[in-house]
Amino acid sequence: MKKRKLYDPKNSVLKASKTPKKDISFASEAEKKMEEAQKMLLFTTKTCPNCKMAGEVLKSSQIPFEIVDAEEHQELVQEYGIMQAPSLVVLRGDEFETHCNVSNIKKYAEQNHCG
């Protein structure tokens, strides 16, 4: 311990690398997409049996979402161009993507599940 030297970065002969550092992340693509998504809205109606099924698919995949009753929220239906229920709207900043019907929502859930 007596010959121990104190490191002085100002006078170091070691130089910083000019190559940019790579972002090393172990998150899957699905997890990255989920992190990017700010909000998910599942448009449903009260009498739609497929809407309940779509909600269960998202719950079982541990995908967080909000249920929006399309009949009660016409302004959102018009804003996102919803033509049928169930429809999943994935919001990312100013952009959004829509997945209509249970089979497409299930496909989305399989590709992006959190569980």
PDB file of N, CA and C in Angstrom:
ATOM      1  N   MET A   1       0.806  -1.198   0.000  1.00  0.00           N
ATOM      2  CA  MET A   1       0.000   0.000   0.000  1.00  0.00           C
ATOM      3  C   MET A   1       0.854   1.270   0.000  1.00  0.00           C
ATOM      4  N   LYS A   2       2.084   1.159   0.392  1.00  0.00           N
ATOM      5  CA  LYS A   2       2.929   2.339   0.459  1.00  0.00           C
ATOM      6  C   LYS A   2       3.258   2.890  -0.922  1.00  0.00           C
ATOM      7  N   LYS A   3       3.350   2.018  -1.946  1.00  0.00           N
ATOM      8  CA  LYS A   3       3.703   2.456  -3.300  1.00  0.00           C
ATOM      9  C   LYS A   3       2.469   2.823  -4.125  1.00  0.00           C
ATOM     10  N   ARG A   4       1.382   2.913  -3.479  1.00  0.00           N
ATOM     11  CA  ARG A   4       0.134   3.224  -4.158  1.00  0.00           C
ATOM     12  C   ARG A   4       0.142   4.664  -4.678  1.00  0.00           C
ATOM     13  N   LYS A   5      -0.313   4.834  -5.968  1.00  0.00           N
ATOM     14  CA  LYS A   5      -0.321   6.161  -6.574  1.00  0.00           C
ATOM     15  C   LYS A   5      -1.755   6.643  -6.722  1.00  0.00           C
ATOM     16  N   LEU A   6      -1.890   7.922  -6.625  1.00  0.00           N
ATOM     17  CA  LEU A   6      -3.181   8.543  -6.819  1.00  0.00           C
ATOM     18  C   LEU A   6      -3.342   8.852  -8.301  1.00  0.00           C
ATOM     19  N   TYR A   7      -4.446   8.416  -8.875  1.00  0.00           N
ATOM     20  CA  TYR A   7      -4.705   8.630 -10.297  1.00  0.00           C
ATOM     21  C   TYR A   7      -5.064  10.086 -10.538  1.00  0.00           C
ATOM     22  N   ASP A   8      -4.384  10.698 -11.504  1.00  0.00           N
ATOM     23  CA  ASP A   8      -4.630  12.094 -11.868  1.00  0.00           C
ATOM     24  C   ASP A   8      -5.120  12.129 -13.307  1.00  0.00           C
ATOM     25  N   PRO A   9      -6.451  12.249 -13.539  1.00  0.00           N
ATOM     26  CA  PRO A   9      -6.989  12.185 -14.896  1.00  0.00           C
ATOM     27  C   PRO A   9      -6.515  13.333 -15.798  1.00  0.00           C
ATOM     28  N   LYS A  10      -6.176  14.478 -15.236  1.00  0.00           N
ATOM     29  CA  LYS A  10      -5.724  15.606 -16.058  1.00  0.00           C
ATOM     30  C   LYS A  10      -4.376  15.334 -16.712  1.00  0.00           C
ATOM     31  N   ASN A  11      -3.534  14.581 -16.049  1.00  0.00           N
ATOM     32  CA  ASN A  11      -2.192  14.309 -16.559  1.00  0.00           C
ATOM     33  C   ASN A  11      -2.043  12.874 -17.053  1.00  0.00           C
ATOM     34  N   SER A  12      -3.124  12.242 -17.367  1.00  0.00           N
ATOM     35  CA  SER A  12      -3.102  10.852 -17.800  1.00  0.00           C
ATOM     36  C   SER A  12      -2.598  10.728 -19.236  1.00  0.00           C
ATOM     37  N   VAL A  13      -1.905   9.632 -19.512  1.00  0.00           N
ATOM     38  CA  VAL A  13      -1.473   9.342 -20.881  1.00  0.00           C
ATOM     39  C   VAL A  13      -2.578   8.602 -21.645  1.00  0.00           C
ATOM     40  N   LEU A  14      -3.561   8.146 -20.942  1.00  0.00           N
ATOM     41  CA  LEU A  14      -4.688   7.463 -21.577  1.00  0.00           C
ATOM     42  C   LEU A  14      -5.612   8.508 -22.189  1.00  0.00           C
ATOM     43  N   LYS A  15      -6.040   8.255 -23.393  1.00  0.00           N
ATOM     44  CA  LYS A  15      -6.925   9.192 -24.074  1.00  0.00           C
ATOM     45  C   LYS A  15      -8.287   8.551 -24.293  1.00  0.00           C
ATOM     46  N   ALA A  16      -9.314   9.363 -24.297  1.00  0.00           N
ATOM     47  CA  ALA A  16     -10.671   8.872 -24.521  1.00  0.00           C
ATOM     48  C   ALA A  16     -10.816   8.424 -25.965  1.00  0.00           C
ATOM     49  N   SER A  17     -11.576   7.403 -26.157  1.00  0.00           N
ATOM     50  CA  SER A  17     -11.836   6.871 -27.486  1.00  0.00           C
ATOM     51  C   SER A  17     -12.703   7.845 -28.274  1.00  0.00           C
ATOM     52  N   LYS A  18     -12.407   7.976 -29.566  1.00  0.00           N
ATOM     53  CA  LYS A  18     -13.196   8.871 -30.417  1.00  0.00           C
ATOM     54  C   LYS A  18     -14.443   8.169 -30.963  1.00  0.00           C
ATOM     55  N   THR A  19     -14.507   6.860 -30.838  1.00  0.00           N
ATOM     56  CA  THR A  19     -15.676   6.143 -31.343  1.00  0.00           C
ATOM     57  C   THR A  19     -16.832   6.325 -30.374  1.00  0.00           C
ATOM     58  N   PRO A  20     -18.029   6.506 -30.915  1.00  0.00           N
ATOM     59  CA  PRO A  20     -19.182   6.698 -30.026  1.00  0.00           C
ATOM     60  C   PRO A  20     -19.480   5.433 -29.236  1.00  0.00           C
ATOM     61  N   LYS A  21     -19.928   5.643 -28.034  1.00  0.00           N
ATOM     62  CA  LYS A  21     -20.277   4.511 -27.182  1.00  0.00           C
ATOM     63  C   LYS A  21     -21.582   3.894 -27.668  1.00  0.00           C
ATOM     64  N   LYS A  22     -21.636   2.588 -27.640  1.00  0.00           N
ATOM     65  CA  LYS A  22     -22.849   1.891 -28.035  1.00  0.00           C
ATOM     66  C   LYS A  22     -23.751   1.738 -26.822  1.00  0.00           C
ATOM     67  N   ASP A  23     -25.029   1.909 -27.062  1.00  0.00           N
ATOM     68  CA  ASP A  23     -26.009   1.717 -25.999  1.00  0.00           C
ATOM     69  C   ASP A  23     -26.269   0.222 -25.889  1.00  0.00           C
ATOM     70  N   ILE A  24     -25.776  -0.366 -24.843  1.00  0.00           N
ATOM     71  CA  ILE A  24     -25.959  -1.800 -24.648  1.00  0.00           C
ATOM     72  C   ILE A  24     -27.203  -1.998 -23.803  1.00  0.00           C
ATOM     73  N   SER A  25     -28.181  -2.638 -24.415  1.00  0.00           N
ATOM     74  CA  SER A  25     -29.444  -2.840 -23.730  1.00  0.00           C
ATOM     75  C   SER A  25     -29.887  -4.270 -23.943  1.00  0.00           C
ATOM     76  N   PHE A  26     -30.412  -4.857 -22.914  1.00  0.00           N
ATOM     77  CA  PHE A  26     -30.872  -6.231 -23.005  1.00  0.00           C
ATOM     78  C   PHE A  26     -32.386  -6.316 -23.178  1.00  0.00           C
ATOM     79  N   ALA A  27     -33.023  -5.193 -23.406  1.00  0.00           N
ATOM     80  CA  ALA A  27     -34.475  -5.188 -23.598  1.00  0.00           C
ATOM     81  C   ALA A  27     -34.809  -5.735 -24.981  1.00  0.00           C
ATOM     82  N   SER A  28     -35.838  -6.515 -25.050  1.00  0.00           N
ATOM     83  CA  SER A  28     -36.274  -7.056 -26.324  1.00  0.00           C
ATOM     84  C   SER A  28     -36.922  -5.955 -27.149  1.00  0.00           C
ATOM     85  N   GLU A  29     -37.089  -6.209 -28.437  1.00  0.00           N
ATOM     86  CA  GLU A  29     -37.751  -5.246 -29.307  1.00  0.00           C
ATOM     87  C   GLU A  29     -39.169  -4.963 -28.807  1.00  0.00           C
ATOM     88  N   ALA A  30     -39.853  -6.010 -28.350  1.00  0.00           N
ATOM     89  CA  ALA A  30     -41.216  -5.830 -27.850  1.00  0.00           C
ATOM     90  C   ALA A  30     -41.229  -4.896 -26.649  1.00  0.00           C
ATOM     91  N   GLU A  31     -40.257  -5.056 -25.727  1.00  0.00           N
ATOM     92  CA  GLU A  31     -40.196  -4.186 -24.557  1.00  0.00           C
ATOM     93  C   GLU A  31     -39.895  -2.753 -24.966  1.00  0.00           C
ATOM     94  N   LYS A  32     -39.044  -2.568 -25.979  1.00  0.00           N
ATOM     95  CA  LYS A  32     -38.738  -1.221 -26.454  1.00  0.00           C
ATOM     96  C   LYS A  32     -39.989  -0.574 -27.027  1.00  0.00           C
ATOM     97  N   LYS A  33     -40.761  -1.326 -27.812  1.00  0.00           N
ATOM     98  CA  LYS A  33     -41.995  -0.794 -28.378  1.00  0.00           C
ATOM     99  C   LYS A  33     -42.968  -0.420 -27.281  1.00  0.00           C
ATOM    100  N   MET A  34     -43.067  -1.252 -26.246  1.00  0.00           N
ATOM    101  CA  MET A  34     -43.987  -0.978 -25.156  1.00  0.00           C
ATOM    102  C   MET A  34     -43.564   0.274 -24.404  1.00  0.00           C
ATOM    103  N   GLU A  35     -42.237   0.471 -24.234  1.00  0.00           N
ATOM    104  CA  GLU A  35     -41.758   1.657 -23.541  1.00  0.00           C
ATOM    105  C   GLU A  35     -42.050   2.911 -24.353  1.00  0.00           C
ATOM    106  N   GLU A  36     -41.913   2.798 -25.695  1.00  0.00           N
ATOM    107  CA  GLU A  36     -42.179   3.936 -26.563  1.00  0.00           C
ATOM    108  C   GLU A  36     -43.655   4.319 -26.547  1.00  0.00           C
ATOM    109  N   ALA A  37     -44.513   3.324 -26.424  1.00  0.00           N
ATOM    110  CA  ALA A  37     -45.951   3.590 -26.453  1.00  0.00           C
ATOM    111  C   ALA A  37     -46.346   4.335 -25.187  1.00  0.00           C
ATOM    112  N   GLN A  38     -46.943   5.482 -25.371  1.00  0.00           N
ATOM    113  CA  GLN A  38     -47.342   6.264 -24.210  1.00  0.00           C
ATOM    114  C   GLN A  38     -48.665   5.785 -23.644  1.00  0.00           C
ATOM    115  N   LYS A  39     -49.561   5.355 -24.526  1.00  0.00           N
ATOM    116  CA  LYS A  39     -50.888   5.000 -24.077  1.00  0.00           C
ATOM    117  C   LYS A  39     -51.530   4.059 -25.082  1.00  0.00           C
ATOM    118  N   MET A  40     -52.363   3.156 -24.591  1.00  0.00           N
ATOM    119  CA  MET A  40     -53.110   2.260 -25.462  1.00  0.00           C
ATOM    120  C   MET A  40     -54.581   2.345 -25.106  1.00  0.00           C
ATOM    121  N   LEU A  41     -55.402   2.548 -26.124  1.00  0.00           N
ATOM    122  CA  LEU A  41     -56.836   2.680 -25.940  1.00  0.00           C
ATOM    123  C   LEU A  41     -57.539   1.536 -26.660  1.00  0.00           C
ATOM    124  N   LEU A  42     -58.385   0.807 -25.937  1.00  0.00           N
ATOM    125  CA  LEU A  42     -59.181  -0.259 -26.539  1.00  0.00           C
ATOM    126  C   LEU A  42     -60.601   0.264 -26.685  1.00  0.00           C
ATOM    127  N   PHE A  43     -61.008   0.507 -27.921  1.00  0.00           N
ATOM    128  CA  PHE A  43     -62.356   0.988 -28.206  1.00  0.00           C
ATOM    129  C   PHE A  43     -63.316  -0.189 -28.230  1.00  0.00           C
ATOM    130  N   THR A  44     -64.362  -0.102 -27.423  1.00  0.00           N
ATOM    131  CA  THR A  44     -65.333  -1.181 -27.269  1.00  0.00           C
ATOM    132  C   THR A  44     -66.752  -0.613 -27.299  1.00  0.00           C
ATOM    133  N   THR A  45     -67.716  -1.530 -27.327  1.00  0.00           N
ATOM    134  CA  THR A  45     -69.117  -1.158 -27.117  1.00  0.00           C
ATOM    135  C   THR A  45     -69.669  -2.077 -26.038  1.00  0.00           C
ATOM    136  N   LYS A  46     -70.783  -1.686 -25.463  1.00  0.00           N
ATOM    137  CA  LYS A  46     -71.354  -2.458 -24.351  1.00  0.00           C
ATOM    138  C   LYS A  46     -71.852  -3.840 -24.771  1.00  0.00           C
ATOM    139  N   THR A  47     -72.303  -3.980 -26.009  1.00  0.00           N
ATOM    140  CA  THR A  47     -72.914  -5.241 -26.439  1.00  0.00           C
ATOM    141  C   THR A  47     -71.979  -6.116 -27.273  1.00  0.00           C
ATOM    142  N   CYS A  48     -70.731  -5.742 -27.400  1.00  0.00           N
ATOM    143  CA  CYS A  48     -69.782  -6.441 -28.273  1.00  0.00           C
ATOM    144  C   CYS A  48     -69.094  -7.598 -27.535  1.00  0.00           C
ATOM    145  N   PRO A  49     -69.371  -8.861 -27.920  1.00  0.00           N
ATOM    146  CA  PRO A  49     -68.706  -9.990 -27.261  1.00  0.00           C
ATOM    147  C   PRO A  49     -67.213 -10.072 -27.602  1.00  0.00           C
ATOM    148  N   ASN A  50     -66.841  -9.657 -28.808  1.00  0.00           N
ATOM    149  CA  ASN A  50     -65.428  -9.690 -29.192  1.00  0.00           C
ATOM    150  C   ASN A  50     -64.601  -8.652 -28.443  1.00  0.00           C
ATOM    151  N   CYS A  51     -65.254  -7.592 -27.995  1.00  0.00           N
ATOM    152  CA  CYS A  51     -64.552  -6.562 -27.229  1.00  0.00           C
ATOM    153  C   CYS A  51     -64.073  -7.120 -25.890  1.00  0.00           C
ATOM    154  N   LYS A  52     -64.904  -7.916 -25.255  1.00  0.00           N
ATOM    155  CA  LYS A  52     -64.511  -8.544 -23.989  1.00  0.00           C
ATOM    156  C   LYS A  52     -63.337  -9.495 -24.214  1.00  0.00           C
ATOM    157  N   MET A  53     -63.402 -10.228 -25.334  1.00  0.00           N
ATOM    158  CA  MET A  53     -62.332 -11.162 -25.664  1.00  0.00           C
ATOM    159  C   MET A  53     -61.019 -10.408 -25.913  1.00  0.00           C
ATOM    160  N   ALA A  54     -61.086  -9.281 -26.613  1.00  0.00           N
ATOM    161  CA  ALA A  54     -59.885  -8.473 -26.883  1.00  0.00           C
ATOM    162  C   ALA A  54     -59.281  -7.957 -25.580  1.00  0.00           C
ATOM    163  N   GLY A  55     -60.133  -7.530 -24.654  1.00  0.00           N
ATOM    164  CA  GLY A  55     -59.652  -7.073 -23.350  1.00  0.00           C
ATOM    165  C   GLY A  55     -58.944  -8.172 -22.588  1.00  0.00           C
ATOM    166  N   GLU A  56     -59.484  -9.386 -22.646  1.00  0.00           N
ATOM    167  CA  GLU A  56     -58.860 -10.523 -21.962  1.00  0.00           C
ATOM    168  C   GLU A  56     -57.509 -10.871 -22.581  1.00  0.00           C
ATOM    169  N   VAL A  57     -57.422 -10.772 -23.908  1.00  0.00           N
ATOM    170  CA  VAL A  57     -56.151 -11.047 -24.602  1.00  0.00           C
ATOM    171  C   VAL A  57     -55.081 -10.065 -24.117  1.00  0.00           C
ATOM    172  N   LEU A  58     -55.432  -8.787 -24.042  1.00  0.00           N
ATOM    173  CA  LEU A  58     -54.465  -7.778 -23.593  1.00  0.00           C
ATOM    174  C   LEU A  58     -54.094  -7.970 -22.131  1.00  0.00           C
ATOM    175  N   LYS A  59     -55.073  -8.299 -21.287  1.00  0.00           N
ATOM    176  CA  LYS A  59     -54.794  -8.539 -19.868  1.00  0.00           C
ATOM    177  C   LYS A  59     -53.865  -9.734 -19.684  1.00  0.00           C
ATOM    178  N   SER A  60     -54.132 -10.820 -20.407  1.00  0.00           N
ATOM    179  CA  SER A  60     -53.309 -12.028 -20.250  1.00  0.00           C
ATOM    180  C   SER A  60     -51.891 -11.806 -20.764  1.00  0.00           C
ATOM    181  N   SER A  61     -51.727 -10.857 -21.688  1.00  0.00           N
ATOM    182  CA  SER A  61     -50.391 -10.516 -22.186  1.00  0.00           C
ATOM    183  C   SER A  61     -49.726  -9.433 -21.346  1.00  0.00           C
ATOM    184  N   GLN A  62     -50.420  -9.002 -20.303  1.00  0.00           N
ATOM    185  CA  GLN A  62     -49.928  -7.970 -19.380  1.00  0.00           C
ATOM    186  C   GLN A  62     -49.614  -6.660 -20.094  1.00  0.00           C
ATOM    187  N   ILE A  63     -50.438  -6.331 -21.075  1.00  0.00           N
ATOM    188  CA  ILE A  63     -50.300  -5.070 -21.796  1.00  0.00           C
ATOM    189  C   ILE A  63     -51.242  -4.060 -21.152  1.00  0.00           C
ATOM    190  N   PRO A  64     -50.705  -2.946 -20.658  1.00  0.00           N
ATOM    191  CA  PRO A  64     -51.565  -1.937 -20.025  1.00  0.00           C
ATOM    192  C   PRO A  64     -52.386  -1.196 -21.079  1.00  0.00           C
ATOM    193  N   PHE A  65     -53.670  -1.008 -20.796  1.00  0.00           N
ATOM    194  CA  PHE A  65     -54.550  -0.332 -21.746  1.00  0.00           C
ATOM    195  C   PHE A  65     -55.709   0.303 -21.002  1.00  0.00           C
ATOM    196  N   GLU A  66     -56.373   1.222 -21.683  1.00  0.00           N
ATOM    197  CA  GLU A  66     -57.565   1.854 -21.143  1.00  0.00           C
ATOM    198  C   GLU A  66     -58.738   1.482 -22.046  1.00  0.00           C
ATOM    199  N   ILE A  67     -59.865   1.187 -21.452  1.00  0.00           N
ATOM    200  CA  ILE A  67     -61.065   0.879 -22.220  1.00  0.00           C
ATOM    201  C   ILE A  67     -61.807   2.186 -22.497  1.00  0.00           C
ATOM    202  N   VAL A  68     -62.172   2.381 -23.765  1.00  0.00           N
ATOM    203  CA  VAL A  68     -62.927   3.560 -24.175  1.00  0.00           C
ATOM    204  C   VAL A  68     -64.226   3.068 -24.801  1.00  0.00           C
ATOM    205  N   ASP A  69     -65.355   3.467 -24.231  1.00  0.00           N
ATOM    206  CA  ASP A  69     -66.649   3.107 -24.804  1.00  0.00           C
ATOM    207  C   ASP A  69     -66.874   3.988 -26.030  1.00  0.00           C
ATOM    208  N   ALA A  70     -66.885   3.361 -27.204  1.00  0.00           N
ATOM    209  CA  ALA A  70     -66.985   4.101 -28.465  1.00  0.00           C
ATOM    210  C   ALA A  70     -68.296   4.874 -28.579  1.00  0.00           C
ATOM    211  N   GLU A  71     -69.350   4.368 -27.966  1.00  0.00           N
ATOM    212  CA  GLU A  71     -70.650   5.040 -28.041  1.00  0.00           C
ATOM    213  C   GLU A  71     -70.678   6.308 -27.188  1.00  0.00           C
ATOM    214  N   GLU A  72     -69.921   6.310 -26.105  1.00  0.00           N
ATOM    215  CA  GLU A  72     -69.908   7.452 -25.193  1.00  0.00           C
ATOM    216  C   GLU A  72     -68.837   8.487 -25.529  1.00  0.00           C
ATOM    217  N   HIS A  73     -67.833   8.103 -26.323  1.00  0.00           N
ATOM    218  CA  HIS A  73     -66.712   8.995 -26.632  1.00  0.00           C
ATOM    219  C   HIS A  73     -66.571   9.167 -28.145  1.00  0.00           C
ATOM    220  N   GLN A  74     -67.590   9.748 -28.755  1.00  0.00           N
ATOM    221  CA  GLN A  74     -67.606   9.942 -30.204  1.00  0.00           C
ATOM    222  C   GLN A  74     -66.470  10.834 -30.701  1.00  0.00           C
ATOM    223  N   GLU A  75     -66.034  11.782 -29.862  1.00  0.00           N
ATOM    224  CA  GLU A  75     -64.949  12.671 -30.282  1.00  0.00           C
ATOM    225  C   GLU A  75     -63.647  11.885 -30.495  1.00  0.00           C
ATOM    226  N   LEU A  76     -63.383  10.896 -29.629  1.00  0.00           N
ATOM    227  CA  LEU A  76     -62.191  10.058 -29.795  1.00  0.00           C
ATOM    228  C   LEU A  76     -62.346   9.109 -30.985  1.00  0.00           C
ATOM    229  N   VAL A  77     -63.551   8.612 -31.191  1.00  0.00           N
ATOM    230  CA  VAL A  77     -63.823   7.738 -32.338  1.00  0.00           C
ATOM    231  C   VAL A  77     -63.500   8.494 -33.627  1.00  0.00           C
ATOM    232  N   GLN A  78     -63.928   9.724 -33.728  1.00  0.00           N
ATOM    233  CA  GLN A  78     -63.659  10.530 -34.916  1.00  0.00           C
ATOM    234  C   GLN A  78     -62.189  10.901 -35.025  1.00  0.00           C
ATOM    235  N   GLU A  79     -61.575  11.232 -33.899  1.00  0.00           N
ATOM    236  CA  GLU A  79     -60.163  11.642 -33.904  1.00  0.00           C
ATOM    237  C   GLU A  79     -59.259  10.530 -34.434  1.00  0.00           C
ATOM    238  N   TYR A  80     -59.544   9.280 -34.037  1.00  0.00           N
ATOM    239  CA  TYR A  80     -58.692   8.157 -34.439  1.00  0.00           C
ATOM    240  C   TYR A  80     -59.272   7.350 -35.596  1.00  0.00           C
ATOM    241  N   GLY A  81     -60.379   7.780 -36.151  1.00  0.00           N
ATOM    242  CA  GLY A  81     -60.953   7.115 -37.323  1.00  0.00           C
ATOM    243  C   GLY A  81     -61.424   5.702 -37.048  1.00  0.00           C
ATOM    244  N   ILE A  82     -61.977   5.470 -35.878  1.00  0.00           N
ATOM    245  CA  ILE A  82     -62.437   4.132 -35.504  1.00  0.00           C
ATOM    246  C   ILE A  82     -63.694   3.795 -36.303  1.00  0.00           C
ATOM    247  N   MET A  83     -63.673   2.638 -36.973  1.00  0.00           N
ATOM    248  CA  MET A  83     -64.799   2.211 -37.794  1.00  0.00           C
ATOM    249  C   MET A  83     -65.476   0.960 -37.240  1.00  0.00           C
ATOM    250  N   GLN A  84     -64.812   0.270 -36.318  1.00  0.00           N
ATOM    251  CA  GLN A  84     -65.378  -0.955 -35.759  1.00  0.00           C
ATOM    252  C   GLN A  84     -64.841  -1.194 -34.355  1.00  0.00           C
ATOM    253  N   ALA A  85     -65.544  -2.043 -33.634  1.00  0.00           N
ATOM    254  CA  ALA A  85     -65.109  -2.433 -32.292  1.00  0.00           C
ATOM    255  C   ALA A  85     -64.952  -3.956 -32.292  1.00  0.00           C
ATOM    256  N   PRO A  86     -63.934  -4.454 -31.640  1.00  0.00           N
ATOM    257  CA  PRO A  86     -62.892  -3.756 -30.886  1.00  0.00           C
ATOM    258  C   PRO A  86     -61.811  -3.195 -31.802  1.00  0.00           C
ATOM    259  N   SER A  87     -61.226  -2.094 -31.383  1.00  0.00           N
ATOM    260  CA  SER A  87     -60.071  -1.491 -32.053  1.00  0.00           C
ATOM    261  C   SER A  87     -59.100  -1.032 -30.980  1.00  0.00           C
ATOM    262  N   LEU A  88     -57.839  -1.394 -31.161  1.00  0.00           N
ATOM    263  CA  LEU A  88     -56.786  -0.981 -30.237  1.00  0.00           C
ATOM    264  C   LEU A  88     -55.999   0.139 -30.900  1.00  0.00           C
ATOM    265  N   VAL A  89     -55.909   1.280 -30.231  1.00  0.00           N
ATOM    266  CA  VAL A  89     -55.126   2.410 -30.724  1.00  0.00           C
ATOM    267  C   VAL A  89     -53.889   2.529 -29.842  1.00  0.00           C
ATOM    268  N   VAL A  90     -52.711   2.457 -30.470  1.00  0.00           N
ATOM    269  CA  VAL A  90     -51.439   2.573 -29.763  1.00  0.00           C
ATOM    270  C   VAL A  90     -50.899   3.968 -30.052  1.00  0.00           C
ATOM    271  N   LEU A  91     -50.823   4.788 -29.007  1.00  0.00           N
ATOM    272  CA  LEU A  91     -50.368   6.178 -29.147  1.00  0.00           C
ATOM    273  C   LEU A  91     -48.879   6.275 -28.860  1.00  0.00           C
ATOM    274  N   ARG A  92     -48.157   6.942 -29.760  1.00  0.00           N
ATOM    275  CA  ARG A  92     -46.726   7.217 -29.578  1.00  0.00           C
ATOM    276  C   ARG A  92     -46.492   8.677 -29.939  1.00  0.00           C
ATOM    277  N   GLY A  93     -46.487   9.522 -28.956  1.00  0.00           N
ATOM    278  CA  GLY A  93     -46.324  10.953 -29.211  1.00  0.00           C
ATOM    279  C   GLY A  93     -47.480  11.473 -30.043  1.00  0.00           C
ATOM    280  N   ASP A  94     -47.151  12.072 -31.191  1.00  0.00           N
ATOM    281  CA  ASP A  94     -48.175  12.606 -32.081  1.00  0.00           C
ATOM    282  C   ASP A  94     -48.691  11.563 -33.065  1.00  0.00           C
ATOM    283  N   GLU A  95     -48.089  10.381 -33.075  1.00  0.00           N
ATOM    284  CA  GLU A  95     -48.466   9.335 -34.009  1.00  0.00           C
ATOM    285  C   GLU A  95     -49.269   8.257 -33.297  1.00  0.00           C
ATOM    286  N   PHE A  96     -50.035   7.488 -34.099  1.00  0.00           N
ATOM    287  CA  PHE A  96     -50.767   6.360 -33.536  1.00  0.00           C
ATOM    288  C   PHE A  96     -50.935   5.289 -34.599  1.00  0.00           C
ATOM    289  N   GLU A  97     -51.126   4.066 -34.133  1.00  0.00           N
ATOM    290  CA  GLU A  97     -51.436   2.960 -35.029  1.00  0.00           C
ATOM    291  C   GLU A  97     -52.674   2.263 -34.490  1.00  0.00           C
ATOM    292  N   THR A  98     -53.464   1.712 -35.410  1.00  0.00           N
ATOM    293  CA  THR A  98     -54.725   1.088 -35.028  1.00  0.00           C
ATOM    294  C   THR A  98     -54.718  -0.378 -35.410  1.00  0.00           C
ATOM    295  N   HIS A  99     -55.201  -1.220 -34.494  1.00  0.00           N
ATOM    296  CA  HIS A  99     -55.349  -2.656 -34.735  1.00  0.00           C
ATOM    297  C   HIS A  99     -56.822  -2.995 -34.533  1.00  0.00           C
ATOM    298  N   CYS A 100     -57.479  -3.422 -35.613  1.00  0.00           N
ATOM    299  CA  CYS A 100     -58.913  -3.710 -35.560  1.00  0.00           C
ATOM    300  C   CYS A 100     -59.172  -5.204 -35.482  1.00  0.00           C
ATOM    301  N   ASN A 101     -60.178  -5.590 -34.798  1.00  0.00           N
ATOM    302  CA  ASN A 101     -60.710  -6.941 -34.569  1.00  0.00           C
ATOM    303  C   ASN A 101     -59.812  -7.776 -33.660  1.00  0.00           C
ATOM    304  N   VAL A 102     -60.400  -8.805 -33.077  1.00  0.00           N
ATOM    305  CA  VAL A 102     -59.713  -9.608 -32.060  1.00  0.00           C
ATOM    306  C   VAL A 102     -58.459 -10.271 -32.605  1.00  0.00           C
ATOM    307  N   SER A 103     -58.524 -10.799 -33.823  1.00  0.00           N
ATOM    308  CA  SER A 103     -57.357 -11.527 -34.347  1.00  0.00           C
ATOM    309  C   SER A 103     -56.150 -10.616 -34.514  1.00  0.00           C
ATOM    310  N   ASN A 104     -56.349  -9.396 -34.981  1.00  0.00           N
ATOM    311  CA  ASN A 104     -55.226  -8.463 -35.119  1.00  0.00           C
ATOM    312  C   ASN A 104     -54.737  -7.951 -33.768  1.00  0.00           C
ATOM    313  N   ILE A 105     -55.639  -7.768 -32.825  1.00  0.00           N
ATOM    314  CA  ILE A 105     -55.245  -7.359 -31.474  1.00  0.00           C
ATOM    315  C   ILE A 105     -54.455  -8.490 -30.808  1.00  0.00           C
ATOM    316  N   LYS A 106     -54.889  -9.721 -31.026  1.00  0.00           N
ATOM    317  CA  LYS A 106     -54.172 -10.874 -30.475  1.00  0.00           C
ATOM    318  C   LYS A 106     -52.777 -10.971 -31.082  1.00  0.00           C
ATOM    319  N   LYS A 107     -52.662 -10.756 -32.375  1.00  0.00           N
ATOM    320  CA  LYS A 107     -51.348 -10.776 -33.051  1.00  0.00           C
ATOM    321  C   LYS A 107     -50.437  -9.701 -32.463  1.00  0.00           C
ATOM    322  N   TYR A 108     -50.996  -8.501 -32.259  1.00  0.00           N
ATOM    323  CA  TYR A 108     -50.220  -7.415 -31.644  1.00  0.00           C
ATOM    324  C   TYR A 108     -49.761  -7.821 -30.242  1.00  0.00           C
ATOM    325  N   ALA A 109     -50.662  -8.403 -29.466  1.00  0.00           N
ATOM    326  CA  ALA A 109     -50.343  -8.806 -28.090  1.00  0.00           C
ATOM    327  C   ALA A 109     -49.245  -9.868 -28.074  1.00  0.00           C
ATOM    328  N   GLU A 110     -49.293 -10.812 -28.998  1.00  0.00           N
ATOM    329  CA  GLU A 110     -48.273 -11.863 -29.053  1.00  0.00           C
ATOM    330  C   GLU A 110     -46.900 -11.290 -29.382  1.00  0.00           C
ATOM    331  N   GLN A 111     -46.868 -10.272 -30.235  1.00  0.00           N
ATOM    332  CA  GLN A 111     -45.592  -9.669 -30.632  1.00  0.00           C
ATOM    333  C   GLN A 111     -45.061  -8.693 -29.589  1.00  0.00           C
ATOM    334  N   ASN A 112     -45.937  -8.191 -28.735  1.00  0.00           N
ATOM    335  CA  ASN A 112     -45.539  -7.133 -27.809  1.00  0.00           C
ATOM    336  C   ASN A 112     -45.848  -7.431 -26.352  1.00  0.00           C
ATOM    337  N   HIS A 113     -46.053  -8.685 -26.007  1.00  0.00           N
ATOM    338  CA  HIS A 113     -46.476  -8.997 -24.625  1.00  0.00           C
ATOM    339  C   HIS A 113     -45.386  -8.656 -23.623  1.00  0.00           C
ATOM    340  N   CYS A 114     -45.835  -8.318 -22.429  1.00  0.00           N
ATOM    341  CA  CYS A 114     -44.926  -7.919 -21.354  1.00  0.00           C
ATOM    342  C   CYS A 114     -44.661  -9.066 -20.382  1.00  0.00           C
ATOM    343  N   GLY A 115     -45.420 -10.111 -20.442  1.00  0.00           N
ATOM    344  CA  GLY A 115     -45.321 -11.186 -19.466  1.00  0.00           C
ATOM    345  C   GLY A 115     -44.423 -12.293 -19.823  1.00  0.00           C
TER     346      GLY A 115
END
